[in-house]
Amino acid sequence: MGQEVAQKILKEIRDLPPFSAIANRALKLTNDPRASAVDISRVISYDPAFTARVLRMANSAYYGFARKVTTVSEAIVILGYETLKSVVLALTLQKFYDNEVRGYGLEKGDMWKHSVGCALASRLLATQVKYPAVEEAFVAGLLHDVGKVILNEYVRDEIDEIIELAGSQGLSFAEAEKRVLGFDHQDIGSKVAEKWNFNDTIVEAIRCHHRPERAKKEPELTAIVHVADFICLSLGLGIGNDGMLYPLKKEALEILKLDEPEIDNLIYSAYSIAEEIEKILT
């Protein structure tokens, strides 16, 4: 692809809209140690969709609370500020993710389900390996494929060449994508995360999630997203054109000190994720 196309893609990233005013305000409050659950619930209550889904999240089997939560402030106390930030971010990104991403063979809603599935699987895996920043893993999983939304129309014309190159030379989809386009969805996704001011470790996890051995800042987080992505594809969540060209890297298992039987157990544990996606965020 020519320099002109690359510049056009970068301009699209620069022109991405910021998060909604309500989401921005809620996210800021969750970072303010002086803000109470009541303060945050007051902001969220201006948006009925946020209100309903925060309550749905708190009452989902995924979090396993014994009694029904009926108010937003109670949900915030139960979920915690970090989890609330993840919920607000997920809800904010839904419209961005929910369209068809035809260039990658994803129908309407597929990208959304895959991204939320990867976020939940990352959270599950982070808990399993005792990674200290569980909600950071959720966010990295949620954002890992954001570059596909930007590259969608550009990949569409090149997809046959990418798939043929991957098949004939034994490359992963991302490697073939980079050879044909000059960059891949990881590169573009990391630029989007930088635009939205996410921290360096999340940016790295997005940029290296197909190549976890290249992560330097926080290899464990990148490995978590890589394995979570593999788990979601194994469950059939948003396979698309590249899903069958996604090898599970042994380096990621070594970083996380996992073996293949443990991955099989995690896939089994993650079966409920597909059901929870429908209940929580649709």
C-alpha atoms as a PDB file:
ATOM      1  CA  MET A   1       0.000   0.000   0.000  1.00  0.00           C
ATOM      2  CA  GLY A   2       1.167   3.487  -0.807  1.00  0.00           C
ATOM      3  CA  GLN A   3       2.186   6.258   1.540  1.00  0.00           C
ATOM      4  CA  GLU A   4      -0.986   8.143   0.625  1.00  0.00           C
ATOM      5  CA  VAL A   5      -3.167   5.332   2.000  1.00  0.00           C
ATOM      6  CA  ALA A   6      -1.054   5.116   5.163  1.00  0.00           C
ATOM      7  CA  GLN A   7      -1.516   8.857   5.728  1.00  0.00           C
ATOM      8  CA  LYS A   8      -5.276   8.522   5.167  1.00  0.00           C
ATOM      9  CA  ILE A   9      -5.464   5.772   7.811  1.00  0.00           C
ATOM     10  CA  LEU A  10      -3.496   7.848  10.305  1.00  0.00           C
ATOM     11  CA  LYS A  11      -5.833  10.782   9.652  1.00  0.00           C
ATOM     12  CA  GLU A  12      -8.814   8.528  10.417  1.00  0.00           C
ATOM     13  CA  ILE A  13      -7.216   7.724  13.768  1.00  0.00           C
ATOM     14  CA  ARG A  14      -6.593  11.412  14.517  1.00  0.00           C
ATOM     15  CA  ASP A  15     -10.212  12.188  13.644  1.00  0.00           C
ATOM     16  CA  LEU A  16     -11.714   9.468  15.874  1.00  0.00           C
ATOM     17  CA  PRO A  17     -14.410  10.920  18.121  1.00  0.00           C
ATOM     18  CA  PRO A  18     -13.735  11.103  21.859  1.00  0.00           C
ATOM     19  CA  PHE A  19     -15.863   9.138  24.271  1.00  0.00           C
ATOM     20  CA  SER A  20     -19.286  10.494  25.149  1.00  0.00           C
ATOM     21  CA  ALA A  21     -19.514  13.251  27.779  1.00  0.00           C
ATOM     22  CA  ILE A  22     -21.219  10.915  30.259  1.00  0.00           C
ATOM     23  CA  ALA A  23     -18.621   8.169  29.758  1.00  0.00           C
ATOM     24  CA  ASN A  24     -15.780  10.670  30.091  1.00  0.00           C
ATOM     25  CA  ARG A  25     -17.255  12.077  33.306  1.00  0.00           C
ATOM     26  CA  ALA A  26     -17.863   8.613  34.780  1.00  0.00           C
ATOM     27  CA  LEU A  27     -14.333   7.448  33.922  1.00  0.00           C
ATOM     28  CA  LYS A  28     -12.821  10.563  35.502  1.00  0.00           C
ATOM     29  CA  LEU A  29     -14.833  10.050  38.680  1.00  0.00           C
ATOM     30  CA  THR A  30     -13.714   6.436  38.999  1.00  0.00           C
ATOM     31  CA  ASN A  31     -10.134   7.763  39.060  1.00  0.00           C
ATOM     32  CA  ASP A  32     -10.928  10.368  41.718  1.00  0.00           C
ATOM     33  CA  PRO A  33     -10.304   9.022  45.243  1.00  0.00           C
ATOM     34  CA  ARG A  34     -12.646  11.699  46.626  1.00  0.00           C
ATOM     35  CA  ALA A  35     -15.594  10.566  44.483  1.00  0.00           C
ATOM     36  CA  SER A  36     -18.215   8.375  46.123  1.00  0.00           C
ATOM     37  CA  ALA A  37     -20.348   5.633  44.611  1.00  0.00           C
ATOM     38  CA  VAL A  38     -23.275   8.053  44.845  1.00  0.00           C
ATOM     39  CA  ASP A  39     -21.356  10.661  42.784  1.00  0.00           C
ATOM     40  CA  ILE A  40     -20.659   8.128  40.056  1.00  0.00           C
ATOM     41  CA  SER A  41     -24.161   6.680  40.069  1.00  0.00           C
ATOM     42  CA  ARG A  42     -25.588  10.175  39.657  1.00  0.00           C
ATOM     43  CA  VAL A  43     -23.612  10.628  36.419  1.00  0.00           C
ATOM     44  CA  ILE A  44     -24.407   7.159  35.068  1.00  0.00           C
ATOM     45  CA  SER A  45     -28.118   7.611  35.819  1.00  0.00           C
ATOM     46  CA  TYR A  46     -28.315  10.255  33.080  1.00  0.00           C
ATOM     47  CA  ASP A  47     -27.887   7.423  30.569  1.00  0.00           C
ATOM     48  CA  PRO A  48     -30.543   4.683  30.837  1.00  0.00           C
ATOM     49  CA  ALA A  49     -28.418   2.245  28.832  1.00  0.00           C
ATOM     50  CA  PHE A  50     -25.494   2.592  31.233  1.00  0.00           C
ATOM     51  CA  THR A  51     -27.826   2.246  34.197  1.00  0.00           C
ATOM     52  CA  ALA A  52     -29.438  -0.940  32.880  1.00  0.00           C
ATOM     53  CA  ARG A  53     -26.196  -2.579  31.859  1.00  0.00           C
ATOM     54  CA  VAL A  54     -24.272  -1.747  35.000  1.00  0.00           C
ATOM     55  CA  LEU A  55     -27.077  -3.437  36.942  1.00  0.00           C
ATOM     56  CA  ARG A  56     -27.082  -6.360  34.510  1.00  0.00           C
ATOM     57  CA  MET A  57     -23.329  -6.775  34.970  1.00  0.00           C
ATOM     58  CA  ALA A  58     -23.602  -6.719  38.758  1.00  0.00           C
ATOM     59  CA  ASN A  59     -26.362  -9.335  38.634  1.00  0.00           C
ATOM     60  CA  SER A  60     -24.713 -11.621  36.077  1.00  0.00           C
ATOM     61  CA  ALA A  61     -23.610 -15.137  36.918  1.00  0.00           C
ATOM     62  CA  TYR A  62     -20.139 -14.101  35.772  1.00  0.00           C
ATOM     63  CA  TYR A  63     -19.664 -12.150  39.000  1.00  0.00           C
ATOM     64  CA  GLY A  64     -21.583 -14.667  41.076  1.00  0.00           C
ATOM     65  CA  PHE A  65     -23.189 -12.441  43.722  1.00  0.00           C
ATOM     66  CA  ALA A  66     -25.781 -14.177  45.851  1.00  0.00           C
ATOM     67  CA  ARG A  67     -28.435 -11.434  46.017  1.00  0.00           C
ATOM     68  CA  LYS A  68     -30.049  -9.198  43.433  1.00  0.00           C
ATOM     69  CA  VAL A  69     -28.566  -5.710  43.100  1.00  0.00           C
ATOM     70  CA  THR A  70     -31.197  -3.043  42.500  1.00  0.00           C
ATOM     71  CA  THR A  71     -29.411   0.337  42.533  1.00  0.00           C
ATOM     72  CA  VAL A  72     -26.431   1.702  40.606  1.00  0.00           C
ATOM     73  CA  SER A  73     -24.625   2.894  43.738  1.00  0.00           C
ATOM     74  CA  GLU A  74     -24.933  -0.592  45.252  1.00  0.00           C
ATOM     75  CA  ALA A  75     -23.674  -2.112  41.973  1.00  0.00           C
ATOM     76  CA  ILE A  76     -20.657   0.190  42.050  1.00  0.00           C
ATOM     77  CA  VAL A  77     -19.823  -0.847  45.604  1.00  0.00           C
ATOM     78  CA  ILE A  78     -20.125  -4.523  44.667  1.00  0.00           C
ATOM     79  CA  LEU A  79     -18.259  -4.323  41.351  1.00  0.00           C
ATOM     80  CA  GLY A  80     -15.594  -1.891  42.522  1.00  0.00           C
ATOM     81  CA  TYR A  81     -14.266   1.174  40.743  1.00  0.00           C
ATOM     82  CA  GLU A  82     -11.839  -0.676  38.470  1.00  0.00           C
ATOM     83  CA  THR A  83     -14.528  -3.052  37.219  1.00  0.00           C
ATOM     84  CA  LEU A  84     -16.921  -0.130  36.787  1.00  0.00           C
ATOM     85  CA  LYS A  85     -14.364   1.577  34.548  1.00  0.00           C
ATOM     86  CA  SER A  86     -14.213  -1.573  32.426  1.00  0.00           C
ATOM     87  CA  VAL A  87     -18.008  -1.687  32.134  1.00  0.00           C
ATOM     88  CA  VAL A  88     -18.244   2.000  31.165  1.00  0.00           C
ATOM     89  CA  LEU A  89     -15.482   1.564  28.589  1.00  0.00           C
ATOM     90  CA  ALA A  90     -17.135  -1.527  27.107  1.00  0.00           C
ATOM     91  CA  LEU A  91     -20.500   0.210  26.839  1.00  0.00           C
ATOM     92  CA  THR A  92     -18.871   3.269  25.281  1.00  0.00           C
ATOM     93  CA  LEU A  93     -17.153   1.171  22.616  1.00  0.00           C
ATOM     94  CA  GLN A  94     -20.231  -0.855  21.680  1.00  0.00           C
ATOM     95  CA  LYS A  95     -21.394   1.432  18.873  1.00  0.00           C
ATOM     96  CA  PHE A  96     -17.854   1.673  17.527  1.00  0.00           C
ATOM     97  CA  TYR A  97     -17.501  -2.132  17.427  1.00  0.00           C
ATOM     98  CA  ASP A  98     -21.014  -3.170  16.487  1.00  0.00           C
ATOM     99  CA  ASN A  99     -20.910  -2.660  12.706  1.00  0.00           C
ATOM    100  CA  GLU A 100     -19.951  -5.207  10.086  1.00  0.00           C
ATOM    101  CA  VAL A 101     -16.204  -5.565   9.616  1.00  0.00           C
ATOM    102  CA  ARG A 102     -16.454  -7.212   6.210  1.00  0.00           C
ATOM    103  CA  GLY A 103     -12.780  -6.844   5.376  1.00  0.00           C
ATOM    104  CA  TYR A 104     -12.090  -9.397   8.112  1.00  0.00           C
ATOM    105  CA  GLY A 105     -15.148 -11.557   7.407  1.00  0.00           C
ATOM    106  CA  LEU A 106     -17.064 -10.396  10.490  1.00  0.00           C
ATOM    107  CA  GLU A 107     -20.819  -9.854  10.407  1.00  0.00           C
ATOM    108  CA  LYS A 108     -22.628  -7.173  12.405  1.00  0.00           C
ATOM    109  CA  GLY A 109     -22.053  -7.794  16.100  1.00  0.00           C
ATOM    110  CA  ASP A 110     -19.225 -10.317  15.606  1.00  0.00           C
ATOM    111  CA  MET A 111     -16.451  -7.851  16.429  1.00  0.00           C
ATOM    112  CA  TRP A 112     -18.329  -6.712  19.530  1.00  0.00           C
ATOM    113  CA  LYS A 113     -18.849 -10.250  20.801  1.00  0.00           C
ATOM    114  CA  HIS A 114     -15.262 -11.253  20.086  1.00  0.00           C
ATOM    115  CA  SER A 115     -13.843  -8.156  21.794  1.00  0.00           C
ATOM    116  CA  VAL A 116     -16.003  -8.495  24.917  1.00  0.00           C
ATOM    117  CA  GLY A 117     -15.329 -12.226  24.949  1.00  0.00           C
ATOM    118  CA  CYS A 118     -11.587 -11.593  24.826  1.00  0.00           C
ATOM    119  CA  ALA A 119     -11.942  -9.013  27.604  1.00  0.00           C
ATOM    120  CA  LEU A 120     -13.767 -11.495  29.856  1.00  0.00           C
ATOM    121  CA  ALA A 121     -11.358 -14.316  28.954  1.00  0.00           C
ATOM    122  CA  SER A 122      -8.402 -12.002  29.707  1.00  0.00           C
ATOM    123  CA  ARG A 123      -9.946 -11.218  33.080  1.00  0.00           C
ATOM    124  CA  LEU A 124     -10.474 -14.925  33.788  1.00  0.00           C
ATOM    125  CA  LEU A 125      -6.924 -15.776  32.746  1.00  0.00           C
ATOM    126  CA  ALA A 126      -5.401 -12.869  34.706  1.00  0.00           C
ATOM    127  CA  THR A 127      -7.154 -14.160  37.824  1.00  0.00           C
ATOM    128  CA  GLN A 128      -5.915 -17.692  37.132  1.00  0.00           C
ATOM    129  CA  VAL A 129      -2.256 -16.669  36.789  1.00  0.00           C
ATOM    130  CA  LYS A 130      -2.522 -14.097  39.617  1.00  0.00           C
ATOM    131  CA  TYR A 131      -1.715 -11.128  37.400  1.00  0.00           C
ATOM    132  CA  PRO A 132      -2.127  -8.122  39.737  1.00  0.00           C
ATOM    133  CA  ALA A 133      -3.966  -5.757  37.341  1.00  0.00           C
ATOM    134  CA  VAL A 134      -7.008  -7.854  36.462  1.00  0.00           C
ATOM    135  CA  GLU A 135      -9.092  -5.004  35.056  1.00  0.00           C
ATOM    136  CA  GLU A 136      -6.165  -3.797  32.956  1.00  0.00           C
ATOM    137  CA  ALA A 137      -6.215  -7.242  31.360  1.00  0.00           C
ATOM    138  CA  PHE A 138      -9.956  -6.771  30.703  1.00  0.00           C
ATOM    139  CA  VAL A 139      -9.294  -3.439  28.951  1.00  0.00           C
ATOM    140  CA  ALA A 140      -6.394  -4.789  26.878  1.00  0.00           C
ATOM    141  CA  GLY A 141      -8.565  -7.714  25.784  1.00  0.00           C
ATOM    142  CA  LEU A 142     -11.420  -5.370  24.913  1.00  0.00           C
ATOM    143  CA  LEU A 143      -9.174  -3.193  22.729  1.00  0.00           C
ATOM    144  CA  HIS A 144      -6.876  -5.801  21.183  1.00  0.00           C
ATOM    145  CA  ASP A 145      -8.536  -5.835  17.732  1.00  0.00           C
ATOM    146  CA  VAL A 146      -9.606  -2.183  17.558  1.00  0.00           C
ATOM    147  CA  GLY A 147      -7.286  -1.706  14.566  1.00  0.00           C
ATOM    148  CA  LYS A 148      -9.511  -3.972  12.477  1.00  0.00           C
ATOM    149  CA  VAL A 149     -12.317  -1.416  12.586  1.00  0.00           C
ATOM    150  CA  ILE A 150     -10.011   1.211  11.083  1.00  0.00           C
ATOM    151  CA  LEU A 151      -8.433  -1.125   8.496  1.00  0.00           C
ATOM    152  CA  ASN A 152     -11.721  -2.738   7.478  1.00  0.00           C
ATOM    153  CA  GLU A 153     -12.218  -1.079   4.086  1.00  0.00           C
ATOM    154  CA  TYR A 154      -8.509  -1.223   3.170  1.00  0.00           C
ATOM    155  CA  VAL A 155      -8.181  -4.933   3.893  1.00  0.00           C
ATOM    156  CA  ARG A 156     -11.306  -5.792   1.888  1.00  0.00           C
ATOM    157  CA  ASP A 157      -9.544  -5.420  -1.478  1.00  0.00           C
ATOM    158  CA  GLU A 158      -6.440  -7.290  -0.333  1.00  0.00           C
ATOM    159  CA  ILE A 159      -7.947 -10.105   1.719  1.00  0.00           C
ATOM    160  CA  ASP A 160      -7.557 -12.858  -0.902  1.00  0.00           C
ATOM    161  CA  GLU A 161      -3.872 -12.025  -1.337  1.00  0.00           C
ATOM    162  CA  ILE A 162      -3.341 -11.988   2.445  1.00  0.00           C
ATOM    163  CA  ILE A 163      -5.014 -15.377   2.942  1.00  0.00           C
ATOM    164  CA  GLU A 164      -3.196 -16.920  -0.035  1.00  0.00           C
ATOM    165  CA  LEU A 165       0.166 -15.639   1.218  1.00  0.00           C
ATOM    166  CA  ALA A 166      -0.497 -16.971   4.717  1.00  0.00           C
ATOM    167  CA  GLY A 167      -1.460 -20.384   3.350  1.00  0.00           C
ATOM    168  CA  SER A 168       1.348 -20.737   0.832  1.00  0.00           C
ATOM    169  CA  GLN A 169       4.155 -19.558   3.098  1.00  0.00           C
ATOM    170  CA  GLY A 170       2.914 -20.810   6.466  1.00  0.00           C
ATOM    171  CA  LEU A 171       2.535 -17.305   7.905  1.00  0.00           C
ATOM    172  CA  SER A 172       0.098 -16.150  10.547  1.00  0.00           C
ATOM    173  CA  PHE A 173      -2.623 -13.813   9.297  1.00  0.00           C
ATOM    174  CA  ALA A 174      -0.951 -10.824  10.980  1.00  0.00           C
ATOM    175  CA  GLU A 175       2.409 -11.611   9.326  1.00  0.00           C
ATOM    176  CA  ALA A 176       0.772 -11.890   5.899  1.00  0.00           C
ATOM    177  CA  GLU A 177      -1.263  -8.748   6.576  1.00  0.00           C
ATOM    178  CA  LYS A 178       1.916  -6.811   7.282  1.00  0.00           C
ATOM    179  CA  ARG A 179       3.655  -8.043   4.151  1.00  0.00           C
ATOM    180  CA  VAL A 180       0.755  -7.060   1.909  1.00  0.00           C
ATOM    181  CA  LEU A 181      -0.294  -3.801   3.577  1.00  0.00           C
ATOM    182  CA  GLY A 182       2.970  -2.634   5.094  1.00  0.00           C
ATOM    183  CA  PHE A 183       1.390  -2.684   8.576  1.00  0.00           C
ATOM    184  CA  ASP A 184      -1.155  -4.815  10.412  1.00  0.00           C
ATOM    185  CA  HIS A 185      -4.180  -4.346  12.650  1.00  0.00           C
ATOM    186  CA  GLN A 186      -1.921  -4.518  15.722  1.00  0.00           C
ATOM    187  CA  ASP A 187       0.099  -1.506  14.551  1.00  0.00           C
ATOM    188  CA  ILE A 188      -3.044   0.493  13.797  1.00  0.00           C
ATOM    189  CA  GLY A 189      -4.787  -0.612  16.996  1.00  0.00           C
ATOM    190  CA  SER A 190      -1.859   0.530  19.120  1.00  0.00           C
ATOM    191  CA  LYS A 191      -2.088   3.968  17.461  1.00  0.00           C
ATOM    192  CA  VAL A 192      -5.795   4.134  18.353  1.00  0.00           C
ATOM    193  CA  ALA A 193      -5.012   3.231  21.987  1.00  0.00           C
ATOM    194  CA  GLU A 194      -2.383   5.981  22.095  1.00  0.00           C
ATOM    195  CA  LYS A 195      -4.930   8.442  20.671  1.00  0.00           C
ATOM    196  CA  TRP A 196      -7.313   7.487  23.482  1.00  0.00           C
ATOM    197  CA  ASN A 197      -4.555   7.914  26.108  1.00  0.00           C
ATOM    198  CA  PHE A 198      -4.309   4.332  27.334  1.00  0.00           C
ATOM    199  CA  ASN A 199      -1.128   3.436  29.192  1.00  0.00           C
ATOM    200  CA  ASP A 200       1.998   2.007  27.587  1.00  0.00           C
ATOM    201  CA  THR A 201       1.422  -1.564  28.755  1.00  0.00           C
ATOM    202  CA  ILE A 202      -2.037  -1.707  27.159  1.00  0.00           C
ATOM    203  CA  VAL A 203      -0.651  -0.132  23.958  1.00  0.00           C
ATOM    204  CA  GLU A 204       2.076  -2.789  23.914  1.00  0.00           C
ATOM    205  CA  ALA A 205      -0.406  -5.630  24.497  1.00  0.00           C
ATOM    206  CA  ILE A 206      -2.413  -4.453  21.468  1.00  0.00           C
ATOM    207  CA  ARG A 207       0.692  -4.008  19.303  1.00  0.00           C
ATOM    208  CA  CYS A 208       2.129  -7.441  20.188  1.00  0.00           C
ATOM    209  CA  HIS A 209      -0.887  -9.677  20.881  1.00  0.00           C
ATOM    210  CA  HIS A 210      -0.012 -11.925  17.916  1.00  0.00           C
ATOM    211  CA  ARG A 211       3.695 -11.757  18.832  1.00  0.00           C
ATOM    212  CA  PRO A 212       3.812 -11.939  22.651  1.00  0.00           C
ATOM    213  CA  GLU A 213       7.522 -12.768  22.602  1.00  0.00           C
ATOM    214  CA  ARG A 214       8.193  -9.167  21.418  1.00  0.00           C
ATOM    215  CA  ALA A 215       6.630  -7.507  24.464  1.00  0.00           C
ATOM    216  CA  LYS A 216       9.194  -5.796  26.689  1.00  0.00           C
ATOM    217  CA  LYS A 217       7.279  -3.549  29.111  1.00  0.00           C
ATOM    218  CA  GLU A 218       4.776  -6.113  30.430  1.00  0.00           C
ATOM    219  CA  PRO A 219       5.153  -9.488  28.667  1.00  0.00           C
ATOM    220  CA  GLU A 220       2.647 -11.127  31.029  1.00  0.00           C
ATOM    221  CA  LEU A 221      -0.194  -8.813  30.001  1.00  0.00           C
ATOM    222  CA  THR A 222       0.509  -9.326  26.300  1.00  0.00           C
ATOM    223  CA  ALA A 223       0.652 -13.094  26.807  1.00  0.00           C
ATOM    224  CA  ILE A 224      -2.687 -12.995  28.650  1.00  0.00           C
ATOM    225  CA  VAL A 225      -4.365 -11.197  25.724  1.00  0.00           C
ATOM    226  CA  HIS A 226      -2.768 -13.582  23.210  1.00  0.00           C
ATOM    227  CA  VAL A 227      -4.030 -16.678  25.041  1.00  0.00           C
ATOM    228  CA  ALA A 228      -7.458 -15.106  25.704  1.00  0.00           C
ATOM    229  CA  ASP A 229      -7.784 -14.328  21.994  1.00  0.00           C
ATOM    230  CA  PHE A 230      -6.980 -17.963  21.193  1.00  0.00           C
ATOM    231  CA  ILE A 231      -9.564 -19.137  23.745  1.00  0.00           C
ATOM    232  CA  CYS A 232     -12.283 -16.966  22.168  1.00  0.00           C
ATOM    233  CA  LEU A 233     -11.488 -18.239  18.680  1.00  0.00           C
ATOM    234  CA  SER A 234     -11.610 -21.808  20.048  1.00  0.00           C
ATOM    235  CA  LEU A 235     -15.105 -21.000  21.357  1.00  0.00           C
ATOM    236  CA  GLY A 236     -16.162 -19.657  17.945  1.00  0.00           C
ATOM    237  CA  LEU A 237     -16.495 -16.054  19.079  1.00  0.00           C
ATOM    238  CA  GLY A 238     -15.853 -13.849  16.026  1.00  0.00           C
ATOM    239  CA  ILE A 239     -13.600 -16.184  14.043  1.00  0.00           C
ATOM    240  CA  GLY A 240     -13.615 -14.154  10.812  1.00  0.00           C
ATOM    241  CA  ASN A 241     -11.085 -14.590   8.009  1.00  0.00           C
ATOM    242  CA  ASP A 242      -8.073 -14.809  10.283  1.00  0.00           C
ATOM    243  CA  GLY A 243      -9.399 -17.051  13.040  1.00  0.00           C
ATOM    244  CA  MET A 244      -8.100 -20.270  11.509  1.00  0.00           C
ATOM    245  CA  LEU A 245      -4.665 -18.675  11.020  1.00  0.00           C
ATOM    246  CA  TYR A 246      -3.997 -17.976  14.701  1.00  0.00           C
ATOM    247  CA  PRO A 247      -1.311 -20.229  16.189  1.00  0.00           C
ATOM    248  CA  LEU A 248      -1.051 -20.379  19.980  1.00  0.00           C
ATOM    249  CA  LYS A 249       2.501 -19.247  20.709  1.00  0.00           C
ATOM    250  CA  LYS A 250       4.483 -21.463  23.077  1.00  0.00           C
ATOM    251  CA  GLU A 251       6.286 -18.336  24.284  1.00  0.00           C
ATOM    252  CA  ALA A 252       2.996 -17.045  25.724  1.00  0.00           C
ATOM    253  CA  LEU A 253       2.490 -20.292  27.647  1.00  0.00           C
ATOM    254  CA  GLU A 254       6.043 -20.086  28.966  1.00  0.00           C
ATOM    255  CA  ILE A 255       5.566 -16.477  30.117  1.00  0.00           C
ATOM    256  CA  LEU A 256       2.375 -17.435  31.971  1.00  0.00           C
ATOM    257  CA  LYS A 257       3.773 -20.794  33.157  1.00  0.00           C
ATOM    258  CA  LEU A 258       0.837 -22.659  31.612  1.00  0.00           C
ATOM    259  CA  ASP A 259       0.734 -25.946  29.724  1.00  0.00           C
ATOM    260  CA  GLU A 260      -1.712 -27.092  27.048  1.00  0.00           C
ATOM    261  CA  PRO A 261      -3.922 -29.161  29.409  1.00  0.00           C
ATOM    262  CA  GLU A 262      -4.389 -25.997  31.504  1.00  0.00           C
ATOM    263  CA  ILE A 263      -5.427 -24.112  28.340  1.00  0.00           C
ATOM    264  CA  ASP A 264      -7.991 -26.833  27.638  1.00  0.00           C
ATOM    265  CA  ASN A 265      -9.342 -26.365  31.168  1.00  0.00           C
ATOM    266  CA  LEU A 266      -9.502 -22.593  30.649  1.00  0.00           C
ATOM    267  CA  ILE A 267     -11.410 -23.054  27.395  1.00  0.00           C
ATOM    268  CA  TYR A 268     -13.867 -25.256  29.274  1.00  0.00           C
ATOM    269  CA  SER A 269     -14.168 -22.633  32.042  1.00  0.00           C
ATOM    270  CA  ALA A 270     -14.752 -19.941  29.426  1.00  0.00           C
ATOM    271  CA  TYR A 271     -17.778 -21.655  27.836  1.00  0.00           C
ATOM    272  CA  SER A 272     -20.063 -19.539  30.000  1.00  0.00           C
ATOM    273  CA  ILE A 273     -18.552 -16.346  28.565  1.00  0.00           C
ATOM    274  CA  ALA A 274     -20.512 -16.600  25.312  1.00  0.00           C
ATOM    275  CA  GLU A 275     -23.782 -16.814  27.236  1.00  0.00           C
ATOM    276  CA  GLU A 276     -22.809 -13.962  29.561  1.00  0.00           C
ATOM    277  CA  ILE A 277     -22.002 -11.642  26.651  1.00  0.00           C
ATOM    278  CA  GLU A 278     -25.604 -11.884  25.500  1.00  0.00           C
ATOM    279  CA  LYS A 279     -26.957 -11.264  28.983  1.00  0.00           C
ATOM    280  CA  ILE A 280     -24.644  -8.447  30.045  1.00  0.00           C
ATOM    281  CA  LEU A 281     -24.000  -6.239  27.071  1.00  0.00           C
ATOM    282  CA  THR A 282     -26.686  -6.748  24.413  1.00  0.00           C
END
